[in-house]
Amino acid sequence: MTLLSSFRRLRRGEPCPVCEHLEWCLVSRDEPPSRALCKRVESKRRWKDAGWLHILREKGYSRPRARSLVIPLRGAVRDFGGLATGYSAAARPAALARLADHLGVLPLSLERLGVGWDGRNWSFPMSDASGQVRGIRLRTPSGGKLAVRGSLEGLFIPSGLGDHDRLLVCEGLTDTAAALTLGFDAIGLPSAGAGFRLVVAYAQARRPAAVVVVADNDDPGRRSASGLAATLACSCRDVRVVEPWAKDLREWLRAGATVADVNEAIARAGTVRVRIACRGGAS
């Protein structure tokens, strides 16, 4: 049995799930690949000259994409801001450009979000409403989601935001990067249904003229967007919800969405109104 009977070369536009390079590495022939032979990242087992063997998943079992893990460090990190700065400085521009191309966003958008490299994983700082880093989300080369031990969930807040004539609130870092790529001011929730209190505190402190909640095109995304919009409407005058016709904002961008398309969707969306029930039946 030859090596290529069990493994195949990377297809065009398909990066290695371990090092994210586009050449030299191999992946197993099952779909999605359960193993990879990486030429650049070492593991405990080397497969002759083909590279180091990495187990991506057990056969017959696929790890849920939404699963969140914690890196088993000896002690919880306290200076997340300093750690995030160090990771950001370690990210090589060429590698960041490849990640941006893979995600379909501009490298500058990832730089503004403080994306870094911890030596094995991509790092994404999470902040409180004042912008202080309180945790770090990690993404493995194979797409797994982790967090540095001791991290608290927070918002993805980019640098260089304007005066917030209009602020987009997106679900996750990559949708936030997509909004920045389109030229909007945007911040990101850590996940669906999370971070509402921080968004409200952020909006109350900066008082944007309008807030647009961008929903993912699925039931959890719609519920999350609806709940956040209703919460924001109690303190913001103009709150709207838009839903991309693709899976999410990033996929909408990859499918060809323009600034004009998003602005048109915002213009069509009605302002969210909240009815407050009072004692005695008045509202």
C-alpha atoms as a PDB file:
ATOM      1  CA  MET A   1       0.000   0.000   0.000  1.00  0.00           C
ATOM      2  CA  THR A   2       1.454   3.355  -1.043  1.00  0.00           C
ATOM      3  CA  LEU A   3       1.243   6.588   0.901  1.00  0.00           C
ATOM      4  CA  LEU A   4      -1.087   8.164  -1.659  1.00  0.00           C
ATOM      5  CA  SER A   5      -3.552   5.299  -1.326  1.00  0.00           C
ATOM      6  CA  SER A   6      -4.395   6.590   2.173  1.00  0.00           C
ATOM      7  CA  PHE A   7      -3.550  10.277   1.781  1.00  0.00           C
ATOM      8  CA  ARG A   8      -4.057  12.862  -0.949  1.00  0.00           C
ATOM      9  CA  ARG A   9      -2.462  16.176  -1.851  1.00  0.00           C
ATOM     10  CA  LEU A  10      -4.179  19.426  -0.964  1.00  0.00           C
ATOM     11  CA  ARG A  11      -6.697  20.670  -3.478  1.00  0.00           C
ATOM     12  CA  ARG A  12      -6.496  24.111  -5.003  1.00  0.00           C
ATOM     13  CA  GLY A  13      -7.462  26.717  -2.408  1.00  0.00           C
ATOM     14  CA  GLU A  14      -7.486  24.106   0.390  1.00  0.00           C
ATOM     15  CA  PRO A  15      -4.978  24.936   3.147  1.00  0.00           C
ATOM     16  CA  CYS A  16      -3.393  22.357   5.397  1.00  0.00           C
ATOM     17  CA  PRO A  17      -5.662  22.022   8.484  1.00  0.00           C
ATOM     18  CA  VAL A  18      -2.577  22.107  10.726  1.00  0.00           C
ATOM     19  CA  CYS A  19      -0.227  24.827   9.367  1.00  0.00           C
ATOM     20  CA  GLU A  20      -2.688  26.482   6.928  1.00  0.00           C
ATOM     21  CA  HIS A  21      -0.157  26.491   4.090  1.00  0.00           C
ATOM     22  CA  LEU A  22      -1.355  25.591   0.610  1.00  0.00           C
ATOM     23  CA  GLU A  23       1.368  23.151  -0.423  1.00  0.00           C
ATOM     24  CA  TRP A  24       3.593  20.226   0.599  1.00  0.00           C
ATOM     25  CA  CYS A  25       1.222  18.717   3.189  1.00  0.00           C
ATOM     26  CA  LEU A  26      -1.191  15.774   2.778  1.00  0.00           C
ATOM     27  CA  VAL A  27      -4.609  14.893   4.237  1.00  0.00           C
ATOM     28  CA  SER A  28      -6.398  11.558   4.500  1.00  0.00           C
ATOM     29  CA  ARG A  29      -8.856  10.598   1.782  1.00  0.00           C
ATOM     30  CA  ASP A  30     -11.941  10.404   4.030  1.00  0.00           C
ATOM     31  CA  GLU A  31     -14.246  13.461   4.134  1.00  0.00           C
ATOM     32  CA  PRO A  32     -13.754  15.543   6.084  1.00  0.00           C
ATOM     33  CA  PRO A  33     -10.145  14.392   6.551  1.00  0.00           C
ATOM     34  CA  SER A  34      -9.481  12.695   9.883  1.00  0.00           C
ATOM     35  CA  ARG A  35      -5.670  12.838   9.619  1.00  0.00           C
ATOM     36  CA  ALA A  36      -3.034  15.145   8.187  1.00  0.00           C
ATOM     37  CA  LEU A  37       0.647  14.790   7.361  1.00  0.00           C
ATOM     38  CA  CYS A  38       2.132  18.225   7.954  1.00  0.00           C
ATOM     39  CA  LYS A  39       5.610  19.170   6.747  1.00  0.00           C
ATOM     40  CA  ARG A  40       5.931  22.146   9.092  1.00  0.00           C
ATOM     41  CA  VAL A  41       4.279  21.423  12.466  1.00  0.00           C
ATOM     42  CA  GLU A  42       5.809  18.614  14.519  1.00  0.00           C
ATOM     43  CA  SER A  43       3.889  15.961  16.435  1.00  0.00           C
ATOM     44  CA  LYS A  44       4.846  12.865  18.419  1.00  0.00           C
ATOM     45  CA  ARG A  45       4.803  10.696  15.291  1.00  0.00           C
ATOM     46  CA  ARG A  46       6.727  11.286  12.074  1.00  0.00           C
ATOM     47  CA  TRP A  47       5.700   9.458   8.894  1.00  0.00           C
ATOM     48  CA  LYS A  48       9.108   9.059   7.236  1.00  0.00           C
ATOM     49  CA  ASP A  49       9.756  12.001   4.885  1.00  0.00           C
ATOM     50  CA  ALA A  50       6.069  12.768   4.338  1.00  0.00           C
ATOM     51  CA  GLY A  51       5.772  14.861   7.510  1.00  0.00           C
ATOM     52  CA  TRP A  52       4.328  14.622  11.006  1.00  0.00           C
ATOM     53  CA  LEU A  53       1.046  12.828  11.596  1.00  0.00           C
ATOM     54  CA  HIS A  54      -1.788  14.821  13.178  1.00  0.00           C
ATOM     55  CA  ILE A  55      -5.104  13.246  14.188  1.00  0.00           C
ATOM     56  CA  LEU A  56      -7.849  15.731  13.321  1.00  0.00           C
ATOM     57  CA  ARG A  57     -10.737  13.588  14.510  1.00  0.00           C
ATOM     58  CA  GLU A  58     -11.433   9.974  15.332  1.00  0.00           C
ATOM     59  CA  LYS A  59     -12.940   7.939  12.522  1.00  0.00           C
ATOM     60  CA  GLY A  60     -16.695   8.043  12.656  1.00  0.00           C
ATOM     61  CA  TYR A  61     -16.738  10.993  15.042  1.00  0.00           C
ATOM     62  CA  SER A  62     -16.701  14.674  14.209  1.00  0.00           C
ATOM     63  CA  ARG A  63     -16.220  17.228  16.961  1.00  0.00           C
ATOM     64  CA  PRO A  64     -19.123  19.706  17.109  1.00  0.00           C
ATOM     65  CA  ARG A  65     -18.088  23.026  15.608  1.00  0.00           C
ATOM     66  CA  ALA A  66     -19.660  25.028  18.429  1.00  0.00           C
ATOM     67  CA  ARG A  67     -17.739  23.226  21.155  1.00  0.00           C
ATOM     68  CA  SER A  68     -15.561  25.532  23.242  1.00  0.00           C
ATOM     69  CA  LEU A  69     -12.531  24.192  25.120  1.00  0.00           C
ATOM     70  CA  VAL A  70      -9.970  25.608  27.542  1.00  0.00           C
ATOM     71  CA  ILE A  71      -6.200  25.304  27.218  1.00  0.00           C
ATOM     72  CA  PRO A  72      -4.908  23.435  30.302  1.00  0.00           C
ATOM     73  CA  LEU A  73      -2.372  25.971  31.595  1.00  0.00           C
ATOM     74  CA  ARG A  74      -0.963  25.653  35.115  1.00  0.00           C
ATOM     75  CA  GLY A  75      -2.450  28.938  36.282  1.00  0.00           C
ATOM     76  CA  ALA A  76      -5.046  31.360  35.021  1.00  0.00           C
ATOM     77  CA  VAL A  77      -3.639  34.275  33.062  1.00  0.00           C
ATOM     78  CA  ARG A  78      -4.396  37.702  34.526  1.00  0.00           C
ATOM     79  CA  ASP A  79      -2.691  40.161  32.166  1.00  0.00           C
ATOM     80  CA  PHE A  80      -4.749  39.308  29.096  1.00  0.00           C
ATOM     81  CA  GLY A  81      -3.986  42.680  27.527  1.00  0.00           C
ATOM     82  CA  GLY A  82      -0.247  42.081  27.635  1.00  0.00           C
ATOM     83  CA  LEU A  83      -0.667  38.526  26.391  1.00  0.00           C
ATOM     84  CA  ALA A  84      -2.859  39.653  23.506  1.00  0.00           C
ATOM     85  CA  THR A  85      -0.315  42.325  22.546  1.00  0.00           C
ATOM     86  CA  GLY A  86       2.469  39.752  22.495  1.00  0.00           C
ATOM     87  CA  TYR A  87       0.429  37.364  20.372  1.00  0.00           C
ATOM     88  CA  SER A  88      -0.443  40.161  17.934  1.00  0.00           C
ATOM     89  CA  ALA A  89       3.228  41.062  17.539  1.00  0.00           C
ATOM     90  CA  ALA A  90       4.050  37.393  16.823  1.00  0.00           C
ATOM     91  CA  ALA A  91       1.615  37.139  13.905  1.00  0.00           C
ATOM     92  CA  ARG A  92       3.554  37.243  10.660  1.00  0.00           C
ATOM     93  CA  PRO A  93       2.011  39.509   8.013  1.00  0.00           C
ATOM     94  CA  ALA A  94       2.170  36.786   5.348  1.00  0.00           C
ATOM     95  CA  ALA A  95       0.395  34.269   7.579  1.00  0.00           C
ATOM     96  CA  LEU A  96      -2.208  36.868   8.575  1.00  0.00           C
ATOM     97  CA  ALA A  97      -2.787  37.614   4.902  1.00  0.00           C
ATOM     98  CA  ARG A  98      -3.359  33.902   4.217  1.00  0.00           C
ATOM     99  CA  LEU A  99      -5.843  33.707   7.097  1.00  0.00           C
ATOM    100  CA  ALA A 100      -7.660  36.790   5.800  1.00  0.00           C
ATOM    101  CA  ASP A 101      -7.810  35.306   2.307  1.00  0.00           C
ATOM    102  CA  HIS A 102      -9.150  32.044   3.734  1.00  0.00           C
ATOM    103  CA  LEU A 103     -11.865  33.928   5.638  1.00  0.00           C
ATOM    104  CA  GLY A 104     -12.653  36.278   2.755  1.00  0.00           C
ATOM    105  CA  VAL A 105     -11.861  39.510   4.637  1.00  0.00           C
ATOM    106  CA  LEU A 106      -9.139  42.163   4.488  1.00  0.00           C
ATOM    107  CA  PRO A 107      -5.945  41.625   6.531  1.00  0.00           C
ATOM    108  CA  LEU A 108      -6.392  45.141   7.947  1.00  0.00           C
ATOM    109  CA  SER A 109      -9.720  44.079   9.462  1.00  0.00           C
ATOM    110  CA  LEU A 110      -7.993  41.258  11.375  1.00  0.00           C
ATOM    111  CA  GLU A 111      -5.190  43.604  12.447  1.00  0.00           C
ATOM    112  CA  ARG A 112      -7.731  46.087  13.834  1.00  0.00           C
ATOM    113  CA  LEU A 113      -9.283  43.254  15.849  1.00  0.00           C
ATOM    114  CA  GLY A 114      -5.890  42.425  17.369  1.00  0.00           C
ATOM    115  CA  VAL A 115      -5.636  38.939  15.848  1.00  0.00           C
ATOM    116  CA  GLY A 116      -2.396  37.239  16.896  1.00  0.00           C
ATOM    117  CA  TRP A 117      -0.514  33.940  16.963  1.00  0.00           C
ATOM    118  CA  ASP A 118       0.401  32.018  20.138  1.00  0.00           C
ATOM    119  CA  GLY A 119       2.794  29.660  18.385  1.00  0.00           C
ATOM    120  CA  ARG A 120       0.139  27.047  17.608  1.00  0.00           C
ATOM    121  CA  ASN A 121      -3.203  28.843  17.319  1.00  0.00           C
ATOM    122  CA  TRP A 122      -4.700  32.107  16.146  1.00  0.00           C
ATOM    123  CA  SER A 123      -5.681  34.383  19.031  1.00  0.00           C
ATOM    124  CA  PHE A 124      -8.603  36.814  19.287  1.00  0.00           C
ATOM    125  CA  PRO A 125      -8.787  39.209  22.264  1.00  0.00           C
ATOM    126  CA  MET A 126     -12.162  39.736  23.965  1.00  0.00           C
ATOM    127  CA  SER A 127     -12.846  42.993  25.801  1.00  0.00           C
ATOM    128  CA  ASP A 128     -15.280  44.531  28.243  1.00  0.00           C
ATOM    129  CA  ALA A 129     -17.377  47.576  27.324  1.00  0.00           C
ATOM    130  CA  SER A 130     -14.481  49.939  28.056  1.00  0.00           C
ATOM    131  CA  GLY A 131     -12.131  48.063  25.729  1.00  0.00           C
ATOM    132  CA  GLN A 132     -10.068  46.327  28.412  1.00  0.00           C
ATOM    133  CA  VAL A 133      -9.057  42.817  27.338  1.00  0.00           C
ATOM    134  CA  ARG A 134     -10.573  40.216  29.676  1.00  0.00           C
ATOM    135  CA  GLY A 135     -10.030  37.018  27.750  1.00  0.00           C
ATOM    136  CA  ILE A 136      -8.544  35.458  24.632  1.00  0.00           C
ATOM    137  CA  ARG A 137     -10.345  33.164  22.238  1.00  0.00           C
ATOM    138  CA  LEU A 138      -8.164  30.771  20.243  1.00  0.00           C
ATOM    139  CA  ARG A 139      -8.728  29.024  16.932  1.00  0.00           C
ATOM    140  CA  THR A 140      -6.692  25.953  16.024  1.00  0.00           C
ATOM    141  CA  PRO A 141      -5.427  25.510  12.459  1.00  0.00           C
ATOM    142  CA  SER A 142      -8.076  22.781  12.016  1.00  0.00           C
ATOM    143  CA  GLY A 143     -10.878  25.152  13.077  1.00  0.00           C
ATOM    144  CA  GLY A 144     -11.362  24.123  16.723  1.00  0.00           C
ATOM    145  CA  LYS A 145     -12.309  26.797  19.250  1.00  0.00           C
ATOM    146  CA  LEU A 146     -10.516  27.180  22.560  1.00  0.00           C
ATOM    147  CA  ALA A 147      -9.866  29.864  25.157  1.00  0.00           C
ATOM    148  CA  VAL A 148      -6.900  30.732  27.332  1.00  0.00           C
ATOM    149  CA  ARG A 149      -7.595  29.489  30.854  1.00  0.00           C
ATOM    150  CA  GLY A 150      -9.165  32.148  33.041  1.00  0.00           C
ATOM    151  CA  SER A 151     -10.686  34.001  30.103  1.00  0.00           C
ATOM    152  CA  LEU A 152     -14.025  35.733  30.446  1.00  0.00           C
ATOM    153  CA  GLU A 153     -16.236  36.115  27.400  1.00  0.00           C
ATOM    154  CA  GLY A 154     -16.168  39.598  25.973  1.00  0.00           C
ATOM    155  CA  LEU A 155     -16.748  41.680  22.875  1.00  0.00           C
ATOM    156  CA  PHE A 156     -14.584  41.773  19.776  1.00  0.00           C
ATOM    157  CA  ILE A 157     -13.824  45.506  19.561  1.00  0.00           C
ATOM    158  CA  PRO A 158     -11.587  46.774  16.745  1.00  0.00           C
ATOM    159  CA  SER A 159      -9.246  49.726  16.953  1.00  0.00           C
ATOM    160  CA  GLY A 160      -9.891  52.921  15.034  1.00  0.00           C
ATOM    161  CA  LEU A 161     -13.679  53.090  15.360  1.00  0.00           C
ATOM    162  CA  GLY A 162     -15.288  56.379  14.378  1.00  0.00           C
ATOM    163  CA  ASP A 163     -17.982  58.463  16.050  1.00  0.00           C
ATOM    164  CA  HIS A 164     -20.577  55.717  15.617  1.00  0.00           C
ATOM    165  CA  ASP A 165     -23.156  57.433  13.418  1.00  0.00           C
ATOM    166  CA  ARG A 166     -24.120  53.826  12.834  1.00  0.00           C
ATOM    167  CA  LEU A 167     -22.783  50.822  14.727  1.00  0.00           C
ATOM    168  CA  LEU A 168     -23.169  47.233  13.512  1.00  0.00           C
ATOM    169  CA  VAL A 169     -23.271  44.464  16.124  1.00  0.00           C
ATOM    170  CA  CYS A 170     -22.288  41.117  14.624  1.00  0.00           C
ATOM    171  CA  GLU A 171     -22.137  37.550  15.900  1.00  0.00           C
ATOM    172  CA  GLY A 172     -18.532  36.437  16.238  1.00  0.00           C
ATOM    173  CA  LEU A 173     -15.172  37.784  15.163  1.00  0.00           C
ATOM    174  CA  THR A 174     -15.260  36.786  11.503  1.00  0.00           C
ATOM    175  CA  ASP A 175     -18.579  38.539  10.848  1.00  0.00           C
ATOM    176  CA  THR A 176     -17.167  41.601  12.612  1.00  0.00           C
ATOM    177  CA  ALA A 177     -14.135  41.435  10.310  1.00  0.00           C
ATOM    178  CA  ALA A 178     -16.509  41.207   7.336  1.00  0.00           C
ATOM    179  CA  ALA A 179     -18.343  44.350   8.491  1.00  0.00           C
ATOM    180  CA  LEU A 180     -15.034  46.188   8.852  1.00  0.00           C
ATOM    181  CA  THR A 181     -14.007  45.006   5.385  1.00  0.00           C
ATOM    182  CA  LEU A 182     -17.189  46.584   4.018  1.00  0.00           C
ATOM    183  CA  GLY A 183     -16.279  49.845   5.739  1.00  0.00           C
ATOM    184  CA  PHE A 184     -18.742  49.829   8.661  1.00  0.00           C
ATOM    185  CA  ASP A 185     -18.037  50.515  12.319  1.00  0.00           C
ATOM    186  CA  ALA A 186     -18.719  47.201  14.061  1.00  0.00           C
ATOM    187  CA  ILE A 187     -18.248  45.202  17.234  1.00  0.00           C
ATOM    188  CA  GLY A 188     -18.815  41.476  17.739  1.00  0.00           C
ATOM    189  CA  LEU A 189     -20.615  39.255  20.230  1.00  0.00           C
ATOM    190  CA  PRO A 190     -18.675  36.251  21.582  1.00  0.00           C
ATOM    191  CA  SER A 191     -21.501  33.923  20.456  1.00  0.00           C
ATOM    192  CA  ALA A 192     -25.261  33.827  19.898  1.00  0.00           C
ATOM    193  CA  GLY A 193     -27.139  34.941  22.993  1.00  0.00           C
ATOM    194  CA  ALA A 194     -23.996  36.085  24.843  1.00  0.00           C
ATOM    195  CA  GLY A 195     -22.548  39.484  25.620  1.00  0.00           C
ATOM    196  CA  PHE A 196     -25.826  41.456  25.684  1.00  0.00           C
ATOM    197  CA  ARG A 197     -24.954  43.332  28.877  1.00  0.00           C
ATOM    198  CA  LEU A 198     -21.584  44.382  27.476  1.00  0.00           C
ATOM    199  CA  VAL A 199     -23.124  45.620  24.217  1.00  0.00           C
ATOM    200  CA  VAL A 200     -25.688  47.693  26.114  1.00  0.00           C
ATOM    201  CA  ALA A 201     -22.950  49.190  28.308  1.00  0.00           C
ATOM    202  CA  TYR A 202     -20.856  49.945  25.219  1.00  0.00           C
ATOM    203  CA  ALA A 203     -23.792  51.634  23.458  1.00  0.00           C
ATOM    204  CA  GLN A 204     -24.753  53.646  26.532  1.00  0.00           C
ATOM    205  CA  ALA A 205     -21.186  54.928  26.897  1.00  0.00           C
ATOM    206  CA  ARG A 206     -20.706  55.879  23.228  1.00  0.00           C
ATOM    207  CA  ARG A 207     -24.309  56.689  22.278  1.00  0.00           C
ATOM    208  CA  PRO A 208     -24.299  55.781  18.549  1.00  0.00           C
ATOM    209  CA  ALA A 209     -26.979  57.476  16.456  1.00  0.00           C
ATOM    210  CA  ALA A 210     -28.165  54.070  15.217  1.00  0.00           C
ATOM    211  CA  VAL A 211     -27.430  50.436  16.083  1.00  0.00           C
ATOM    212  CA  VAL A 212     -27.876  47.630  13.551  1.00  0.00           C
ATOM    213  CA  VAL A 213     -27.903  44.062  14.869  1.00  0.00           C
ATOM    214  CA  VAL A 214     -26.779  41.651  12.141  1.00  0.00           C
ATOM    215  CA  ALA A 215     -28.466  38.268  12.583  1.00  0.00           C
ATOM    216  CA  ASP A 216     -27.106  34.938  11.445  1.00  0.00           C
ATOM    217  CA  ASN A 217     -29.482  33.280   8.993  1.00  0.00           C
ATOM    218  CA  ASP A 218     -30.650  30.498  11.334  1.00  0.00           C
ATOM    219  CA  ASP A 219     -33.057  30.149  14.264  1.00  0.00           C
ATOM    220  CA  PRO A 220     -30.469  30.670  17.065  1.00  0.00           C
ATOM    221  CA  GLY A 221     -29.091  33.690  15.224  1.00  0.00           C
ATOM    222  CA  ARG A 222     -32.538  35.229  14.763  1.00  0.00           C
ATOM    223  CA  ARG A 223     -33.472  34.670  18.401  1.00  0.00           C
ATOM    224  CA  SER A 224     -30.215  36.175  19.582  1.00  0.00           C
ATOM    225  CA  ALA A 225     -30.564  39.222  17.320  1.00  0.00           C
ATOM    226  CA  SER A 226     -34.181  39.768  18.321  1.00  0.00           C
ATOM    227  CA  GLY A 227     -33.371  39.568  22.041  1.00  0.00           C
ATOM    228  CA  LEU A 228     -30.395  41.913  21.753  1.00  0.00           C
ATOM    229  CA  ALA A 229     -32.354  44.426  19.658  1.00  0.00           C
ATOM    230  CA  ALA A 230     -35.187  44.500  22.195  1.00  0.00           C
ATOM    231  CA  THR A 231     -32.676  45.051  24.996  1.00  0.00           C
ATOM    232  CA  LEU A 232     -30.904  47.855  23.106  1.00  0.00           C
ATOM    233  CA  ALA A 233     -34.180  49.531  22.158  1.00  0.00           C
ATOM    234  CA  CYS A 234     -34.722  50.446  25.805  1.00  0.00           C
ATOM    235  CA  SER A 235     -31.718  52.802  25.683  1.00  0.00           C
ATOM    236  CA  CYS A 236     -31.045  53.497  21.963  1.00  0.00           C
ATOM    237  CA  ARG A 237     -33.409  55.503  19.758  1.00  0.00           C
ATOM    238  CA  ASP A 238     -32.777  53.758  16.419  1.00  0.00           C
ATOM    239  CA  VAL A 239     -32.239  49.987  16.599  1.00  0.00           C
ATOM    240  CA  ARG A 240     -32.715  47.711  13.592  1.00  0.00           C
ATOM    241  CA  VAL A 241     -32.168  44.056  12.723  1.00  0.00           C
ATOM    242  CA  VAL A 242     -30.913  42.870   9.336  1.00  0.00           C
ATOM    243  CA  GLU A 243     -30.515  39.298   8.150  1.00  0.00           C
ATOM    244  CA  PRO A 244     -28.190  38.391   5.270  1.00  0.00           C
ATOM    245  CA  TRP A 245     -29.600  36.157   2.564  1.00  0.00           C
ATOM    246  CA  ALA A 246     -26.484  33.992   3.016  1.00  0.00           C
ATOM    247  CA  LYS A 247     -25.584  32.009   6.158  1.00  0.00           C
ATOM    248  CA  ASP A 248     -24.069  35.056   7.859  1.00  0.00           C
ATOM    249  CA  LEU A 249     -22.497  38.409   7.016  1.00  0.00           C
ATOM    250  CA  ARG A 250     -19.121  36.911   6.085  1.00  0.00           C
ATOM    251  CA  GLU A 251     -20.690  34.446   3.666  1.00  0.00           C
ATOM    252  CA  TRP A 252     -22.818  37.280   2.270  1.00  0.00           C
ATOM    253  CA  LEU A 253     -19.623  39.247   1.639  1.00  0.00           C
ATOM    254  CA  ARG A 254     -17.968  36.227   0.014  1.00  0.00           C
ATOM    255  CA  ALA A 255     -21.021  35.841  -2.216  1.00  0.00           C
ATOM    256  CA  GLY A 256     -20.558  39.378  -3.511  1.00  0.00           C
ATOM    257  CA  ALA A 257     -22.485  41.627  -1.124  1.00  0.00           C
ATOM    258  CA  THR A 258     -21.532  45.306  -1.361  1.00  0.00           C
ATOM    259  CA  VAL A 259     -21.860  48.287   0.952  1.00  0.00           C
ATOM    260  CA  ALA A 260     -24.909  49.328  -1.074  1.00  0.00           C
ATOM    261  CA  ASP A 261     -26.542  45.912  -0.500  1.00  0.00           C
ATOM    262  CA  VAL A 262     -26.086  46.170   3.265  1.00  0.00           C
ATOM    263  CA  ASN A 263     -27.249  49.789   3.354  1.00  0.00           C
ATOM    264  CA  GLU A 264     -30.347  48.831   1.373  1.00  0.00           C
ATOM    265  CA  ALA A 265     -31.140  46.027   3.834  1.00  0.00           C
ATOM    266  CA  ILE A 266     -30.706  48.454   6.737  1.00  0.00           C
ATOM    267  CA  ALA A 267     -32.978  51.018   5.089  1.00  0.00           C
ATOM    268  CA  ARG A 268     -35.701  48.375   4.583  1.00  0.00           C
ATOM    269  CA  ALA A 269     -35.504  47.173   8.190  1.00  0.00           C
ATOM    270  CA  GLY A 270     -37.998  48.777  10.530  1.00  0.00           C
ATOM    271  CA  THR A 271     -36.986  50.405  13.792  1.00  0.00           C
ATOM    272  CA  VAL A 272     -37.446  48.032  16.726  1.00  0.00           C
ATOM    273  CA  ARG A 273     -40.176  49.143  19.128  1.00  0.00           C
ATOM    274  CA  VAL A 274     -40.586  47.824  22.653  1.00  0.00           C
ATOM    275  CA  ARG A 275     -43.900  47.830  24.511  1.00  0.00           C
ATOM    276  CA  ILE A 276     -43.600  48.206  28.254  1.00  0.00           C
ATOM    277  CA  ALA A 277     -46.496  46.832  30.292  1.00  0.00           C
ATOM    278  CA  CYS A 278     -47.439  48.898  33.342  1.00  0.00           C
ATOM    279  CA  ARG A 279     -49.447  47.979  36.386  1.00  0.00           C
ATOM    280  CA  GLY A 280     -53.164  48.365  35.815  1.00  0.00           C
ATOM    281  CA  GLY A 281     -52.960  47.152  32.180  1.00  0.00           C
ATOM    282  CA  ALA A 282     -51.622  50.345  30.535  1.00  0.00           C
ATOM    283  CA  SER A 283     -48.772  50.042  28.032  1.00  0.00           C
END
